Amino acid sequence: HEFSGGQRQRIAIARALAVKPSLIVCDEPTSALDVSVQAQILNLLRELQDSLGVSFLFVTHNIGVVAGNTDVIAVMYGGKIVEKAPTKTLFSSYKMPYTEALMRSIPKLRQASHTRLATIPGRPPDMVNPPLGCNFAPRCAYARPKCLVEEPELTVTENPEHVYACFYPVGSPEYHERKLELSQRVDSLSTGGQN
């Protein structure tokens, strides 16, 4: 009870390593830790991976934490994988609007101090009574009627290691059409409808 959060995290890692595993599942390994301690824990995990050859599976809500610490990222929503790709591919050419929303929510160093973080409007789905169609559709700015009634299958991109589940992925003509509609609506509201 007298240990700090970072010390407790290191103890948990040491306990996990005591049985010499080949895989360690890290469920929110840096939650409730300040940024400097988060970096120390992630550095420790990288060193352990290099020295012991152990693999780590990170489960986290913080996509920024896994950015430099993973080979592959699987983005899940409503209990299902909605996008999976090598880490660099995911960050450079994501397809799923939910992944896009997660990327927008990562704080940027270039942002002014006290800048509001981007959020995803709405609520996560009720998994006892899941919605028809795409689980993300009720919160997705790009959803169309089809998304509310049909569940998209995982689709393979030109990179066979990159899959996503969306009818109107980021970059598609329908995505751009909807983005234009939304920007025109915002412009109309900001000018008081005087267009």
N, C-alpha and C. Protein backbone atom coordinates (compact mmCIF):
# COMPACT_ATOMS: atom_id res chain seq x y z
N HIS A 1 0.82 -1.21 0.00
CA HIS A 1 0.00 0.00 0.00
C HIS A 1 0.85 1.26 0.00
N GLU A 2 2.14 1.14 0.30
CA GLU A 2 3.00 2.31 0.34
C GLU A 2 3.74 2.55 -0.97
N PHE A 3 3.57 1.65 -1.94
CA PHE A 3 4.26 1.82 -3.22
C PHE A 3 3.51 2.80 -4.12
N SER A 4 4.26 3.50 -4.97
CA SER A 4 3.64 4.40 -5.95
C SER A 4 3.04 3.56 -7.07
N GLY A 5 2.27 4.20 -7.94
CA GLY A 5 1.67 3.49 -9.08
C GLY A 5 2.73 2.87 -9.97
N GLY A 6 3.80 3.60 -10.24
CA GLY A 6 4.88 3.08 -11.08
C GLY A 6 5.57 1.89 -10.43
N GLN A 7 5.77 1.96 -9.12
CA GLN A 7 6.40 0.84 -8.41
C GLN A 7 5.50 -0.40 -8.45
N ARG A 8 4.20 -0.19 -8.23
CA ARG A 8 3.26 -1.31 -8.29
C ARG A 8 3.24 -1.94 -9.69
N GLN A 9 3.35 -1.10 -10.71
CA GLN A 9 3.35 -1.62 -12.07
C GLN A 9 4.61 -2.47 -12.32
N ARG A 10 5.75 -2.01 -11.81
CA ARG A 10 7.00 -2.77 -11.96
C ARG A 10 6.92 -4.10 -11.21
N ILE A 11 6.29 -4.10 -10.04
CA ILE A 11 6.12 -5.34 -9.27
C ILE A 11 5.25 -6.32 -10.05
N ALA A 12 4.18 -5.82 -10.65
CA ALA A 12 3.29 -6.69 -11.44
C ALA A 12 4.05 -7.30 -12.61
N ILE A 13 4.91 -6.50 -13.25
CA ILE A 13 5.71 -7.01 -14.38
C ILE A 13 6.68 -8.08 -13.88
N ALA A 14 7.34 -7.82 -12.75
CA ALA A 14 8.28 -8.81 -12.18
C ALA A 14 7.57 -10.11 -11.84
N ARG A 15 6.37 -10.02 -11.26
CA ARG A 15 5.60 -11.23 -10.93
C ARG A 15 5.26 -12.02 -12.20
N ALA A 16 4.88 -11.29 -13.26
CA ALA A 16 4.54 -11.96 -14.51
C ALA A 16 5.76 -12.65 -15.12
N LEU A 17 6.94 -12.03 -14.98
CA LEU A 17 8.16 -12.59 -15.56
C LEU A 17 8.70 -13.78 -14.77
N ALA A 18 8.29 -13.93 -13.52
CA ALA A 18 8.83 -14.97 -12.65
C ALA A 18 8.61 -16.38 -13.21
N VAL A 19 7.56 -16.57 -13.99
CA VAL A 19 7.28 -17.90 -14.54
C VAL A 19 7.85 -18.08 -15.94
N LYS A 20 8.67 -17.13 -16.38
CA LYS A 20 9.35 -17.17 -17.68
C LYS A 20 8.37 -17.41 -18.85
N PRO A 21 7.38 -16.54 -19.00
CA PRO A 21 6.40 -16.73 -20.08
C PRO A 21 6.98 -16.32 -21.43
N SER A 22 6.34 -16.80 -22.49
CA SER A 22 6.71 -16.33 -23.83
C SER A 22 5.79 -15.18 -24.25
N LEU A 23 4.65 -15.04 -23.56
CA LEU A 23 3.69 -13.97 -23.86
C LEU A 23 3.15 -13.40 -22.55
N ILE A 24 3.10 -12.08 -22.47
CA ILE A 24 2.49 -11.40 -21.33
C ILE A 24 1.39 -10.49 -21.87
N VAL A 25 0.19 -10.62 -21.33
CA VAL A 25 -0.92 -9.74 -21.69
C VAL A 25 -0.89 -8.56 -20.74
N CYS A 26 -0.75 -7.38 -21.29
CA CYS A 26 -0.68 -6.13 -20.51
C CYS A 26 -1.99 -5.39 -20.68
N ASP A 27 -2.87 -5.49 -19.69
CA ASP A 27 -4.17 -4.84 -19.74
C ASP A 27 -4.04 -3.45 -19.13
N GLU A 28 -4.12 -2.42 -19.96
CA GLU A 28 -3.96 -1.02 -19.55
C GLU A 28 -2.69 -0.85 -18.70
N PRO A 29 -1.51 -1.17 -19.25
CA PRO A 29 -0.28 -1.14 -18.46
C PRO A 29 0.15 0.24 -17.99
N THR A 30 -0.38 1.29 -18.59
CA THR A 30 0.06 2.63 -18.20
C THR A 30 -1.08 3.50 -17.68
N SER A 31 -2.26 2.92 -17.47
CA SER A 31 -3.36 3.75 -16.97
C SER A 31 -3.05 4.23 -15.56
N ALA A 32 -3.52 5.38 -15.22
CA ALA A 32 -3.35 5.99 -13.89
C ALA A 32 -1.89 6.31 -13.58
N LEU A 33 -1.03 6.36 -14.60
CA LEU A 33 0.37 6.74 -14.39
C LEU A 33 0.61 8.06 -15.11
N ASP A 34 1.47 8.92 -14.52
CA ASP A 34 1.76 10.16 -15.22
C ASP A 34 2.64 9.86 -16.43
N VAL A 35 2.77 10.83 -17.33
CA VAL A 35 3.42 10.62 -18.62
C VAL A 35 4.86 10.14 -18.48
N SER A 36 5.61 10.68 -17.55
CA SER A 36 7.01 10.26 -17.41
C SER A 36 7.11 8.81 -16.91
N VAL A 37 6.24 8.41 -15.99
CA VAL A 37 6.25 7.03 -15.51
C VAL A 37 5.75 6.09 -16.61
N GLN A 38 4.76 6.54 -17.41
CA GLN A 38 4.30 5.74 -18.56
C GLN A 38 5.49 5.42 -19.46
N ALA A 39 6.28 6.44 -19.77
CA ALA A 39 7.45 6.25 -20.65
C ALA A 39 8.43 5.27 -20.03
N GLN A 40 8.66 5.37 -18.72
CA GLN A 40 9.60 4.45 -18.05
C GLN A 40 9.09 3.00 -18.14
N ILE A 41 7.81 2.80 -17.92
CA ILE A 41 7.24 1.44 -17.98
C ILE A 41 7.34 0.89 -19.40
N LEU A 42 7.02 1.70 -20.39
CA LEU A 42 7.11 1.24 -21.78
C LEU A 42 8.54 0.93 -22.18
N ASN A 43 9.49 1.76 -21.71
CA ASN A 43 10.91 1.49 -21.97
C ASN A 43 11.33 0.18 -21.32
N LEU A 44 10.87 -0.06 -20.10
CA LEU A 44 11.19 -1.30 -19.40
C LEU A 44 10.65 -2.51 -20.18
N LEU A 45 9.43 -2.41 -20.68
CA LEU A 45 8.84 -3.51 -21.44
C LEU A 45 9.64 -3.77 -22.72
N ARG A 46 10.09 -2.71 -23.40
CA ARG A 46 10.91 -2.87 -24.61
C ARG A 46 12.22 -3.56 -24.28
N GLU A 47 12.86 -3.15 -23.16
CA GLU A 47 14.12 -3.77 -22.75
C GLU A 47 13.92 -5.26 -22.44
N LEU A 48 12.82 -5.58 -21.76
CA LEU A 48 12.53 -6.97 -21.44
C LEU A 48 12.27 -7.78 -22.71
N GLN A 49 11.60 -7.17 -23.65
CA GLN A 49 11.34 -7.87 -24.91
C GLN A 49 12.66 -8.19 -25.61
N ASP A 50 13.56 -7.22 -25.65
CA ASP A 50 14.86 -7.43 -26.30
C ASP A 50 15.72 -8.45 -25.55
N SER A 51 15.76 -8.35 -24.23
CA SER A 51 16.68 -9.21 -23.46
C SER A 51 16.13 -10.61 -23.21
N LEU A 52 14.80 -10.74 -23.06
CA LEU A 52 14.22 -12.04 -22.72
C LEU A 52 13.48 -12.70 -23.89
N GLY A 53 13.24 -11.95 -24.93
CA GLY A 53 12.51 -12.50 -26.07
C GLY A 53 11.04 -12.73 -25.80
N VAL A 54 10.51 -12.06 -24.80
CA VAL A 54 9.10 -12.21 -24.46
C VAL A 54 8.26 -11.30 -25.36
N SER A 55 7.06 -11.76 -25.70
CA SER A 55 6.14 -10.95 -26.49
C SER A 55 5.09 -10.35 -25.57
N PHE A 56 4.59 -9.18 -25.97
CA PHE A 56 3.57 -8.50 -25.18
C PHE A 56 2.33 -8.28 -26.03
N LEU A 57 1.17 -8.47 -25.43
CA LEU A 57 -0.11 -8.14 -26.04
C LEU A 57 -0.69 -7.01 -25.19
N PHE A 58 -0.76 -5.82 -25.77
CA PHE A 58 -1.30 -4.66 -25.05
C PHE A 58 -2.79 -4.55 -25.28
N VAL A 59 -3.54 -4.33 -24.21
CA VAL A 59 -4.96 -4.02 -24.28
C VAL A 59 -5.07 -2.63 -23.68
N THR A 60 -5.49 -1.66 -24.50
CA THR A 60 -5.51 -0.28 -24.01
C THR A 60 -6.52 0.56 -24.77
N HIS A 61 -6.97 1.62 -24.12
CA HIS A 61 -7.81 2.62 -24.77
C HIS A 61 -6.97 3.74 -25.34
N ASN A 62 -5.68 3.75 -25.00
CA ASN A 62 -4.78 4.84 -25.39
C ASN A 62 -3.96 4.43 -26.60
N ILE A 63 -4.45 4.75 -27.79
CA ILE A 63 -3.78 4.34 -29.02
C ILE A 63 -2.41 5.00 -29.16
N GLY A 64 -2.24 6.16 -28.53
CA GLY A 64 -0.94 6.83 -28.55
C GLY A 64 0.14 6.04 -27.82
N VAL A 65 -0.23 5.32 -26.77
CA VAL A 65 0.72 4.53 -25.99
C VAL A 65 1.29 3.39 -26.83
N VAL A 66 0.45 2.77 -27.65
CA VAL A 66 0.93 1.62 -28.41
C VAL A 66 1.62 2.00 -29.71
N ALA A 67 1.53 3.26 -30.09
CA ALA A 67 2.07 3.69 -31.38
C ALA A 67 3.51 3.25 -31.61
N GLY A 68 4.40 3.50 -30.68
CA GLY A 68 5.79 3.16 -30.87
C GLY A 68 6.21 1.87 -30.22
N ASN A 69 5.24 1.09 -29.76
CA ASN A 69 5.56 -0.12 -28.99
C ASN A 69 4.93 -1.38 -29.54
N THR A 70 4.41 -1.33 -30.73
CA THR A 70 3.74 -2.51 -31.28
C THR A 70 4.14 -2.74 -32.73
N ASP A 71 3.96 -3.96 -33.17
CA ASP A 71 4.18 -4.30 -34.58
C ASP A 71 2.87 -4.26 -35.35
N VAL A 72 1.80 -4.69 -34.68
CA VAL A 72 0.47 -4.77 -35.30
C VAL A 72 -0.54 -4.22 -34.30
N ILE A 73 -1.55 -3.51 -34.80
CA ILE A 73 -2.62 -3.00 -33.94
C ILE A 73 -3.95 -3.53 -34.47
N ALA A 74 -4.77 -4.03 -33.56
CA ALA A 74 -6.15 -4.41 -33.88
C ALA A 74 -7.05 -3.46 -33.11
N VAL A 75 -7.84 -2.69 -33.83
CA VAL A 75 -8.78 -1.75 -33.21
C VAL A 75 -10.10 -2.48 -33.03
N MET A 76 -10.63 -2.44 -31.80
CA MET A 76 -11.88 -3.12 -31.53
C MET A 76 -12.96 -2.11 -31.15
N TYR A 77 -14.19 -2.42 -31.53
CA TYR A 77 -15.33 -1.61 -31.12
C TYR A 77 -16.50 -2.56 -30.92
N GLY A 78 -17.16 -2.44 -29.80
CA GLY A 78 -18.32 -3.28 -29.52
C GLY A 78 -17.96 -4.77 -29.52
N GLY A 79 -16.77 -5.08 -29.03
CA GLY A 79 -16.35 -6.47 -28.91
C GLY A 79 -15.89 -7.13 -30.19
N LYS A 80 -15.73 -6.36 -31.26
CA LYS A 80 -15.30 -6.92 -32.54
C LYS A 80 -14.13 -6.13 -33.11
N ILE A 81 -13.26 -6.83 -33.82
CA ILE A 81 -12.18 -6.13 -34.52
C ILE A 81 -12.79 -5.38 -35.69
N VAL A 82 -12.53 -4.07 -35.75
CA VAL A 82 -13.06 -3.26 -36.85
C VAL A 82 -11.94 -2.82 -37.79
N GLU A 83 -10.69 -2.92 -37.34
CA GLU A 83 -9.55 -2.64 -38.22
C GLU A 83 -8.31 -3.29 -37.63
N LYS A 84 -7.49 -3.85 -38.49
CA LYS A 84 -6.24 -4.48 -38.04
C LYS A 84 -5.20 -4.25 -39.12
N ALA A 85 -4.01 -3.81 -38.69
CA ALA A 85 -2.95 -3.52 -39.66
C ALA A 85 -1.61 -3.43 -38.94
N PRO A 86 -0.51 -3.55 -39.70
CA PRO A 86 0.78 -3.22 -39.11
C PRO A 86 0.71 -1.78 -38.57
N THR A 87 1.36 -1.52 -37.47
CA THR A 87 1.24 -0.23 -36.78
C THR A 87 1.47 0.96 -37.70
N LYS A 88 2.56 0.95 -38.45
CA LYS A 88 2.85 2.09 -39.34
C LYS A 88 1.75 2.27 -40.38
N THR A 89 1.23 1.19 -40.90
CA THR A 89 0.15 1.26 -41.89
C THR A 89 -1.11 1.85 -41.25
N LEU A 90 -1.43 1.39 -40.06
CA LEU A 90 -2.64 1.88 -39.40
C LEU A 90 -2.56 3.40 -39.18
N PHE A 91 -1.40 3.87 -38.74
CA PHE A 91 -1.28 5.31 -38.47
C PHE A 91 -1.22 6.14 -39.75
N SER A 92 -0.79 5.56 -40.86
CA SER A 92 -0.66 6.35 -42.08
C SER A 92 -1.86 6.23 -43.01
N SER A 93 -2.61 5.12 -42.94
CA SER A 93 -3.73 4.97 -43.88
C SER A 93 -4.87 4.15 -43.29
N TYR A 94 -5.37 4.60 -42.14
CA TYR A 94 -6.51 3.92 -41.52
C TYR A 94 -7.73 4.06 -42.43
N LYS A 95 -8.64 3.11 -42.29
CA LYS A 95 -9.84 3.08 -43.13
C LYS A 95 -11.13 3.23 -42.33
N MET A 96 -11.12 2.80 -41.09
CA MET A 96 -12.34 2.78 -40.29
C MET A 96 -12.58 4.15 -39.65
N PRO A 97 -13.78 4.72 -39.78
CA PRO A 97 -14.07 6.00 -39.14
C PRO A 97 -13.83 6.00 -37.62
N TYR A 98 -14.01 4.85 -36.97
CA TYR A 98 -13.72 4.78 -35.54
C TYR A 98 -12.23 4.97 -35.29
N THR A 99 -11.39 4.34 -36.11
CA THR A 99 -9.94 4.52 -35.98
C THR A 99 -9.59 5.99 -36.21
N GLU A 100 -10.23 6.61 -37.19
CA GLU A 100 -10.00 8.03 -37.46
C GLU A 100 -10.34 8.86 -36.22
N ALA A 101 -11.45 8.55 -35.57
CA ALA A 101 -11.87 9.29 -34.37
C ALA A 101 -10.87 9.08 -33.24
N LEU A 102 -10.34 7.86 -33.10
CA LEU A 102 -9.31 7.61 -32.08
C LEU A 102 -8.06 8.43 -32.37
N MET A 103 -7.66 8.49 -33.62
CA MET A 103 -6.46 9.24 -34.00
C MET A 103 -6.64 10.73 -33.69
N ARG A 104 -7.85 11.25 -33.95
CA ARG A 104 -8.12 12.67 -33.66
C ARG A 104 -8.07 12.95 -32.17
N SER A 105 -8.33 11.93 -31.35
CA SER A 105 -8.37 12.15 -29.89
C SER A 105 -6.98 12.13 -29.24
N ILE A 106 -5.94 11.79 -29.99
CA ILE A 106 -4.59 11.77 -29.43
C ILE A 106 -4.13 13.22 -29.26
N PRO A 107 -3.70 13.62 -28.05
CA PRO A 107 -3.21 14.99 -27.87
C PRO A 107 -1.97 15.23 -28.75
N LYS A 108 -1.87 16.42 -29.32
CA LYS A 108 -0.75 16.78 -30.19
C LYS A 108 0.13 17.80 -29.49
N LEU A 109 1.43 17.64 -29.63
CA LEU A 109 2.36 18.58 -29.00
C LEU A 109 2.19 20.00 -29.55
N ARG A 110 1.82 20.11 -30.81
CA ARG A 110 1.68 21.44 -31.44
C ARG A 110 0.41 22.18 -30.99
N GLN A 111 -0.50 21.48 -30.30
CA GLN A 111 -1.73 22.13 -29.85
C GLN A 111 -1.42 23.08 -28.69
N ALA A 112 -2.18 24.15 -28.64
CA ALA A 112 -2.03 25.11 -27.55
C ALA A 112 -2.40 24.43 -26.23
N SER A 113 -1.80 24.93 -25.17
CA SER A 113 -2.10 24.42 -23.83
C SER A 113 -3.60 24.57 -23.56
N HIS A 114 -4.17 23.60 -22.90
CA HIS A 114 -5.59 23.59 -22.52
C HIS A 114 -6.53 23.47 -23.72
N THR A 115 -6.02 22.97 -24.84
CA THR A 115 -6.88 22.70 -25.99
C THR A 115 -7.79 21.53 -25.65
N ARG A 116 -9.06 21.68 -25.98
CA ARG A 116 -9.99 20.59 -25.72
C ARG A 116 -9.63 19.39 -26.58
N LEU A 117 -9.65 18.21 -25.98
CA LEU A 117 -9.39 16.99 -26.74
C LEU A 117 -10.63 16.64 -27.55
N ALA A 118 -10.40 16.07 -28.74
CA ALA A 118 -11.52 15.63 -29.58
C ALA A 118 -12.19 14.44 -28.90
N THR A 119 -13.48 14.41 -28.94
CA THR A 119 -14.23 13.30 -28.35
C THR A 119 -15.10 12.66 -29.43
N ILE A 120 -15.62 11.50 -29.12
CA ILE A 120 -16.53 10.81 -30.02
C ILE A 120 -17.92 10.96 -29.43
N PRO A 121 -18.81 11.67 -30.11
CA PRO A 121 -20.15 11.88 -29.54
C PRO A 121 -20.92 10.57 -29.40
N GLY A 122 -21.89 10.60 -28.52
CA GLY A 122 -22.74 9.43 -28.32
C GLY A 122 -22.20 8.48 -27.27
N ARG A 123 -22.83 7.32 -27.20
CA ARG A 123 -22.47 6.32 -26.20
C ARG A 123 -22.08 5.01 -26.88
N PRO A 124 -21.19 4.25 -26.22
CA PRO A 124 -20.87 2.92 -26.75
C PRO A 124 -22.13 2.06 -26.80
N PRO A 125 -22.12 1.03 -27.63
CA PRO A 125 -23.32 0.20 -27.77
C PRO A 125 -23.60 -0.62 -26.51
N ASP A 126 -24.86 -0.91 -26.30
CA ASP A 126 -25.29 -1.81 -25.22
C ASP A 126 -25.06 -3.22 -25.74
N MET A 127 -24.08 -3.93 -25.19
CA MET A 127 -23.74 -5.24 -25.71
C MET A 127 -24.71 -6.33 -25.27
N VAL A 128 -25.61 -6.02 -24.33
CA VAL A 128 -26.68 -6.96 -23.98
C VAL A 128 -27.72 -6.95 -25.11
N ASN A 129 -27.99 -5.75 -25.62
CA ASN A 129 -28.92 -5.58 -26.75
C ASN A 129 -28.19 -4.80 -27.85
N PRO A 130 -27.27 -5.45 -28.56
CA PRO A 130 -26.49 -4.72 -29.56
C PRO A 130 -27.37 -4.21 -30.69
N PRO A 131 -26.97 -3.10 -31.29
CA PRO A 131 -27.76 -2.54 -32.40
C PRO A 131 -27.64 -3.42 -33.63
N LEU A 132 -28.60 -3.27 -34.52
CA LEU A 132 -28.48 -3.91 -35.84
C LEU A 132 -27.36 -3.21 -36.59
N GLY A 133 -26.83 -3.86 -37.56
CA GLY A 133 -25.84 -3.23 -38.42
C GLY A 133 -24.51 -3.03 -37.74
N CYS A 134 -23.81 -2.00 -38.16
CA CYS A 134 -22.50 -1.67 -37.62
C CYS A 134 -22.65 -1.11 -36.21
N ASN A 135 -21.91 -1.66 -35.25
CA ASN A 135 -21.99 -1.18 -33.86
C ASN A 135 -21.63 0.30 -33.73
N PHE A 136 -20.77 0.80 -34.62
CA PHE A 136 -20.32 2.19 -34.53
C PHE A 136 -21.27 3.16 -35.24
N ALA A 137 -22.17 2.65 -36.06
CA ALA A 137 -23.03 3.51 -36.89
C ALA A 137 -23.76 4.60 -36.11
N PRO A 138 -24.33 4.33 -34.92
CA PRO A 138 -25.04 5.40 -34.21
C PRO A 138 -24.14 6.59 -33.81
N ARG A 139 -22.84 6.38 -33.77
CA ARG A 139 -21.91 7.45 -33.38
C ARG A 139 -21.09 7.96 -34.56
N CYS A 140 -21.25 7.37 -35.72
CA CYS A 140 -20.40 7.67 -36.88
C CYS A 140 -21.00 8.80 -37.71
N ALA A 141 -20.21 9.83 -37.95
CA ALA A 141 -20.67 10.98 -38.74
C ALA A 141 -20.87 10.60 -40.21
N TYR A 142 -20.27 9.51 -40.65
CA TYR A 142 -20.32 9.12 -42.07
C TYR A 142 -21.31 8.00 -42.34
N ALA A 143 -22.04 7.55 -41.31
CA ALA A 143 -22.97 6.43 -41.48
C ALA A 143 -24.10 6.80 -42.42
N ARG A 144 -24.53 5.81 -43.15
CA ARG A 144 -25.66 5.94 -44.06
C ARG A 144 -26.69 4.88 -43.67
N PRO A 145 -27.89 4.90 -44.23
CA PRO A 145 -28.92 3.93 -43.82
C PRO A 145 -28.46 2.48 -43.83
N LYS A 146 -27.66 2.09 -44.81
CA LYS A 146 -27.17 0.71 -44.89
C LYS A 146 -26.41 0.31 -43.63
N CYS A 147 -25.65 1.25 -43.06
CA CYS A 147 -24.83 0.97 -41.87
C CYS A 147 -25.68 0.61 -40.66
N LEU A 148 -26.91 1.12 -40.62
CA LEU A 148 -27.79 0.89 -39.47
C LEU A 148 -28.48 -0.47 -39.51
N VAL A 149 -28.45 -1.14 -40.66
CA VAL A 149 -29.16 -2.41 -40.76
C VAL A 149 -28.28 -3.58 -41.17
N GLU A 150 -27.12 -3.32 -41.77
CA GLU A 150 -26.22 -4.39 -42.19
C GLU A 150 -24.89 -4.26 -41.47
N GLU A 151 -24.35 -5.40 -41.07
CA GLU A 151 -23.04 -5.40 -40.41
C GLU A 151 -21.95 -5.63 -41.46
N PRO A 152 -20.99 -4.72 -41.56
CA PRO A 152 -19.94 -4.90 -42.56
C PRO A 152 -18.97 -6.02 -42.18
N GLU A 153 -18.52 -6.77 -43.17
CA GLU A 153 -17.52 -7.81 -42.97
C GLU A 153 -16.14 -7.17 -43.04
N LEU A 154 -15.15 -7.87 -42.50
CA LEU A 154 -13.78 -7.40 -42.64
C LEU A 154 -13.39 -7.46 -44.12
N THR A 155 -12.84 -6.36 -44.62
CA THR A 155 -12.42 -6.23 -46.01
C THR A 155 -10.91 -6.08 -46.04
N VAL A 156 -10.28 -6.73 -46.98
CA VAL A 156 -8.82 -6.66 -47.12
C VAL A 156 -8.48 -5.50 -48.06
N THR A 157 -7.49 -4.70 -47.67
CA THR A 157 -7.02 -3.60 -48.53
C THR A 157 -6.00 -4.16 -49.52
N GLU A 158 -5.33 -3.26 -50.25
CA GLU A 158 -4.26 -3.70 -51.16
C GLU A 158 -3.11 -4.34 -50.38
N ASN A 159 -3.01 -4.03 -49.09
CA ASN A 159 -2.05 -4.69 -48.20
C ASN A 159 -2.79 -5.83 -47.51
N PRO A 160 -2.43 -7.09 -47.79
CA PRO A 160 -3.20 -8.21 -47.22
C PRO A 160 -3.17 -8.28 -45.69
N GLU A 161 -2.27 -7.53 -45.05
CA GLU A 161 -2.22 -7.51 -43.58
C GLU A 161 -3.12 -6.42 -42.99
N HIS A 162 -3.78 -5.65 -43.85
CA HIS A 162 -4.63 -4.54 -43.41
C HIS A 162 -6.08 -4.86 -43.76
N VAL A 163 -6.90 -5.04 -42.71
CA VAL A 163 -8.33 -5.31 -42.90
C VAL A 163 -9.15 -4.29 -42.11
N TYR A 164 -10.37 -4.04 -42.57
CA TYR A 164 -11.27 -3.11 -41.89
C TYR A 164 -12.71 -3.53 -42.13
N ALA A 165 -13.61 -3.08 -41.27
CA ALA A 165 -15.03 -3.41 -41.38
C ALA A 165 -15.84 -2.12 -41.53
N CYS A 166 -16.03 -1.69 -42.76
CA CYS A 166 -16.79 -0.46 -43.01
C CYS A 166 -17.27 -0.46 -44.46
N PHE A 167 -18.53 -0.04 -44.68
CA PHE A 167 -19.05 0.07 -46.03
C PHE A 167 -18.51 1.32 -46.74
N TYR A 168 -18.25 2.37 -45.97
CA TYR A 168 -17.83 3.65 -46.54
C TYR A 168 -16.54 4.11 -45.85
N PRO A 169 -15.43 3.42 -46.14
CA PRO A 169 -14.18 3.68 -45.41
C PRO A 169 -13.61 5.06 -45.68
N VAL A 170 -12.74 5.49 -44.77
CA VAL A 170 -12.03 6.75 -44.92
C VAL A 170 -11.35 6.74 -46.29
N GLY A 171 -11.55 7.81 -47.05
CA GLY A 171 -10.95 7.92 -48.38
C GLY A 171 -11.85 7.50 -49.52
N SER A 172 -12.97 6.82 -49.23
CA SER A 172 -13.87 6.39 -50.30
C SER A 172 -14.66 7.59 -50.83
N PRO A 173 -15.23 7.49 -52.05
CA PRO A 173 -16.04 8.61 -52.58
C PRO A 173 -17.20 8.98 -51.64
N GLU A 174 -17.85 7.97 -51.06
CA GLU A 174 -18.98 8.24 -50.15
C GLU A 174 -18.52 8.97 -48.89
N TYR A 175 -17.35 8.60 -48.41
CA TYR A 175 -16.76 9.27 -47.24
C TYR A 175 -16.53 10.75 -47.56
N HIS A 176 -15.91 11.03 -48.71
CA HIS A 176 -15.63 12.42 -49.09
C HIS A 176 -16.92 13.21 -49.33
N GLU A 177 -17.92 12.55 -49.92
CA GLU A 177 -19.21 13.21 -50.15
C GLU A 177 -19.84 13.62 -48.82
N ARG A 178 -19.83 12.71 -47.86
CA ARG A 178 -20.42 13.00 -46.54
C ARG A 178 -19.61 14.06 -45.81
N LYS A 179 -18.29 14.01 -45.92
CA LYS A 179 -17.43 15.00 -45.27
C LYS A 179 -17.72 16.39 -45.83
N LEU A 180 -17.94 16.49 -47.13
CA LEU A 180 -18.29 17.76 -47.76
C LEU A 180 -19.64 18.25 -47.24
N GLU A 181 -20.62 17.36 -47.16
CA GLU A 181 -21.94 17.73 -46.61
C GLU A 181 -21.80 18.29 -45.20
N LEU A 182 -21.00 17.62 -44.37
CA LEU A 182 -20.83 18.05 -42.98
C LEU A 182 -20.13 19.40 -42.91
N SER A 183 -19.12 19.62 -43.73
CA SER A 183 -18.41 20.91 -43.69
C SER A 183 -19.31 22.03 -44.19
N GLN A 184 -20.17 21.76 -45.18
CA GLN A 184 -21.10 22.78 -45.66
C GLN A 184 -22.13 23.13 -44.59
N ARG A 185 -22.55 22.11 -43.83
CA ARG A 185 -23.50 22.33 -42.74
C ARG A 185 -22.87 23.21 -41.66
N VAL A 186 -21.61 22.92 -41.32
CA VAL A 186 -20.90 23.72 -40.31
C VAL A 186 -20.72 25.15 -40.81
N ASP A 187 -20.35 25.31 -42.09
CA ASP A 187 -20.20 26.65 -42.67
C ASP A 187 -21.52 27.42 -42.62
N SER A 188 -22.61 26.73 -42.93
CA SER A 188 -23.92 27.35 -42.90
C SER A 188 -24.29 27.80 -41.49
N LEU A 189 -24.00 26.96 -40.51
CA LEU A 189 -24.30 27.31 -39.12
C LEU A 189 -23.43 28.47 -38.63
N SER A 190 -22.16 28.49 -39.05
CA SER A 190 -21.26 29.54 -38.58
C SER A 190 -21.57 30.89 -39.21
N THR A 191 -22.20 30.89 -40.41
CA THR A 191 -22.57 32.16 -41.04
C THR A 191 -24.02 32.51 -40.76
N GLY A 192 -24.67 31.74 -39.89
CA GLY A 192 -26.06 32.03 -39.53
C GLY A 192 -27.04 31.67 -40.62
N GLY A 193 -26.64 30.74 -41.50
CA GLY A 193 -27.54 30.31 -42.57
C GLY A 193 -27.71 31.34 -43.67
N GLN A 194 -26.74 32.27 -43.81
CA GLN A 194 -26.86 33.33 -44.79
C GLN A 194 -26.13 33.00 -46.08
N ASN A 195 -26.05 31.75 -46.47
CA ASN A 195 -25.37 31.37 -47.72
C ASN A 195 -26.36 31.29 -48.87
